Amino acid sequence: MVSSGKISATSVGRAGEFLTASKLQMAGLETTHVDGSCDLHVTMPNKRVLRVEVKAALTPSPSGAFKFHVGNSNAEVFVLVCMPLSLVRIFGESDLTGKTITLRPAEFTEQDEADDIAYLLLL
């Protein structure tokens, strides 16, 4: 990654949104980037449109974990992106128990990502 200085949180977030869109497109889902109450609209095979909120982290906390603040979103699905690994985790809104989600780097694996995308395809 080439950078001429500090990367803004907005830039990290936008990069996470496009990384997520790319991965979901490659899985056969139609994605549209939106600004507003969510980040992506994902069209499912049955034509249902899901509101997806993407949260990306570039730097781990001092404990080595990545923290994601989900806030007050009306999204149905949340995608948490570990930018250093270029891997995502996908959670339904009912899977989240708080406003801050903490995941260790070991919780971002290619297998977990594949399993999560397969889960999303079943919604």
Protein backbone atom coordinates (compact mmCIF):
# COMPACT_ATOMS: atom_id res chain seq x y z
CA MET A 1 0.00 0.00 0.00
CA VAL A 2 1.42 3.36 -1.04
CA SER A 3 0.57 6.41 1.01
CA SER A 4 1.89 9.95 1.09
CA GLY A 5 0.72 10.42 4.66
CA LYS A 6 -2.01 9.55 7.12
CA ILE A 7 -5.04 7.91 5.53
CA SER A 8 -8.33 9.45 6.63
CA ALA A 9 -11.06 7.36 8.25
CA THR A 10 -13.30 8.28 5.32
CA SER A 11 -10.76 6.89 2.85
CA VAL A 12 -10.37 3.67 4.84
CA GLY A 13 -14.14 3.29 4.99
CA ARG A 14 -14.60 3.91 1.29
CA ALA A 15 -11.86 1.41 0.45
CA GLY A 16 -13.62 -1.15 2.67
CA GLU A 17 -16.91 -0.52 0.88
CA PHE A 18 -15.37 -1.13 -2.53
CA LEU A 19 -13.43 -4.19 -1.35
CA THR A 20 -16.69 -5.61 0.01
CA ALA A 21 -18.57 -4.80 -3.19
CA SER A 22 -15.87 -6.54 -5.23
CA LYS A 23 -16.01 -9.70 -3.11
CA LEU A 24 -19.81 -9.84 -3.23
CA GLN A 25 -19.87 -9.20 -7.00
CA MET A 26 -17.39 -12.06 -7.48
CA ALA A 27 -19.78 -14.27 -5.46
CA GLY A 28 -22.52 -13.51 -7.98
CA LEU A 29 -24.40 -10.79 -6.11
CA GLU A 30 -25.27 -7.45 -7.67
CA THR A 31 -24.01 -4.56 -5.54
CA THR A 32 -24.66 -0.83 -5.68
CA HIS A 33 -22.72 1.74 -3.69
CA VAL A 34 -25.01 4.23 -1.93
CA ASP A 35 -24.52 7.16 0.39
CA GLY A 36 -27.01 7.64 3.17
CA SER A 37 -28.49 5.20 5.64
CA CYS A 38 -26.22 2.34 4.49
CA ASP A 39 -23.19 1.80 2.27
CA LEU A 40 -24.26 -0.87 -0.20
CA HIS A 41 -27.44 -2.29 -1.62
CA VAL A 42 -27.00 -5.97 -2.42
CA THR A 43 -29.50 -7.65 -4.71
CA MET A 44 -30.04 -11.26 -3.73
CA PRO A 45 -30.79 -14.03 -6.27
CA ASN A 46 -34.50 -13.79 -5.32
CA LYS A 47 -34.35 -10.03 -6.19
CA ARG A 48 -34.62 -8.96 -2.54
CA VAL A 49 -32.42 -5.93 -1.84
CA LEU A 50 -30.42 -5.93 1.40
CA ARG A 51 -29.13 -2.79 3.09
CA VAL A 52 -25.49 -3.40 3.99
CA GLU A 53 -23.34 -1.31 6.35
CA VAL A 54 -19.58 -1.69 5.87
CA LYS A 55 -17.11 -0.91 8.65
CA ALA A 56 -13.39 -1.07 7.90
CA ALA A 57 -10.38 -1.04 10.21
CA LEU A 58 -6.83 -0.33 9.16
CA THR A 59 -4.96 -0.39 12.47
CA PRO A 60 -5.47 -2.74 15.42
CA SER A 61 -5.95 -1.44 18.94
CA PRO A 62 -3.06 -1.71 21.45
CA SER A 63 -4.44 -5.14 22.40
CA GLY A 64 -4.00 -6.28 18.80
CA ALA A 65 -7.71 -6.49 18.01
CA PHE A 66 -9.71 -4.57 15.43
CA LYS A 67 -12.63 -2.52 16.73
CA PHE A 68 -15.66 -1.67 14.67
CA HIS A 69 -18.33 0.84 15.73
CA VAL A 70 -21.67 -0.05 14.18
CA GLY A 71 -23.64 2.89 15.57
CA ASN A 72 -27.29 3.48 14.78
CA SER A 73 -27.68 1.95 11.35
CA ASN A 74 -30.84 0.60 9.76
CA ALA A 75 -28.83 -1.97 7.79
CA GLU A 76 -29.87 -5.60 7.71
CA VAL A 77 -26.32 -6.85 7.24
CA PHE A 78 -22.98 -5.60 8.58
CA VAL A 79 -19.66 -6.30 6.91
CA LEU A 80 -16.52 -5.82 9.00
CA VAL A 81 -13.36 -5.39 6.94
CA CYS A 82 -9.83 -6.03 8.14
CA MET A 83 -7.96 -3.87 5.65
CA PRO A 84 -4.44 -5.19 6.38
CA LEU A 85 -5.60 -8.73 5.54
CA SER A 86 -8.14 -7.71 2.85
CA LEU A 87 -10.65 -10.06 4.47
CA VAL A 88 -14.25 -9.51 5.53
CA ARG A 89 -16.66 -10.94 8.07
CA ILE A 90 -20.43 -10.71 7.57
CA PHE A 91 -23.04 -10.49 10.32
CA GLY A 92 -26.80 -10.17 10.30
CA GLU A 93 -28.23 -7.35 12.40
CA SER A 94 -29.49 -9.89 14.96
CA ASP A 95 -25.95 -11.31 15.34
CA LEU A 96 -24.61 -8.06 16.79
CA THR A 97 -25.03 -7.54 20.51
CA GLY A 98 -23.50 -4.11 21.00
CA LYS A 99 -22.45 -0.90 19.29
CA THR A 100 -18.76 -1.90 19.22
CA ILE A 101 -17.58 -5.22 17.81
CA THR A 102 -14.04 -6.42 18.54
CA LEU A 103 -12.40 -9.09 16.40
CA ARG A 104 -8.87 -10.43 16.60
CA PRO A 105 -6.86 -10.90 13.39
CA ALA A 106 -7.21 -14.70 13.77
CA GLU A 107 -10.99 -14.25 13.34
CA PHE A 108 -10.40 -13.07 9.77
CA THR A 109 -9.60 -16.08 7.63
CA GLU A 110 -10.32 -16.95 4.02
CA GLN A 111 -12.49 -19.85 5.23
CA ASP A 112 -14.51 -17.61 7.57
CA GLU A 113 -14.99 -15.11 4.75
CA ALA A 114 -16.16 -17.85 2.36
CA ASP A 115 -18.53 -19.25 5.00
CA ASP A 116 -19.95 -15.79 5.68
CA ILE A 117 -20.54 -15.10 1.98
CA ALA A 118 -22.25 -18.51 1.68
CA TYR A 119 -24.45 -17.53 4.68
CA LEU A 120 -25.32 -14.25 2.97
CA LEU A 121 -26.39 -16.11 -0.17
CA LEU A 122 -28.96 -17.99 1.92
CA LEU A 123 -30.69 -14.87 3.29
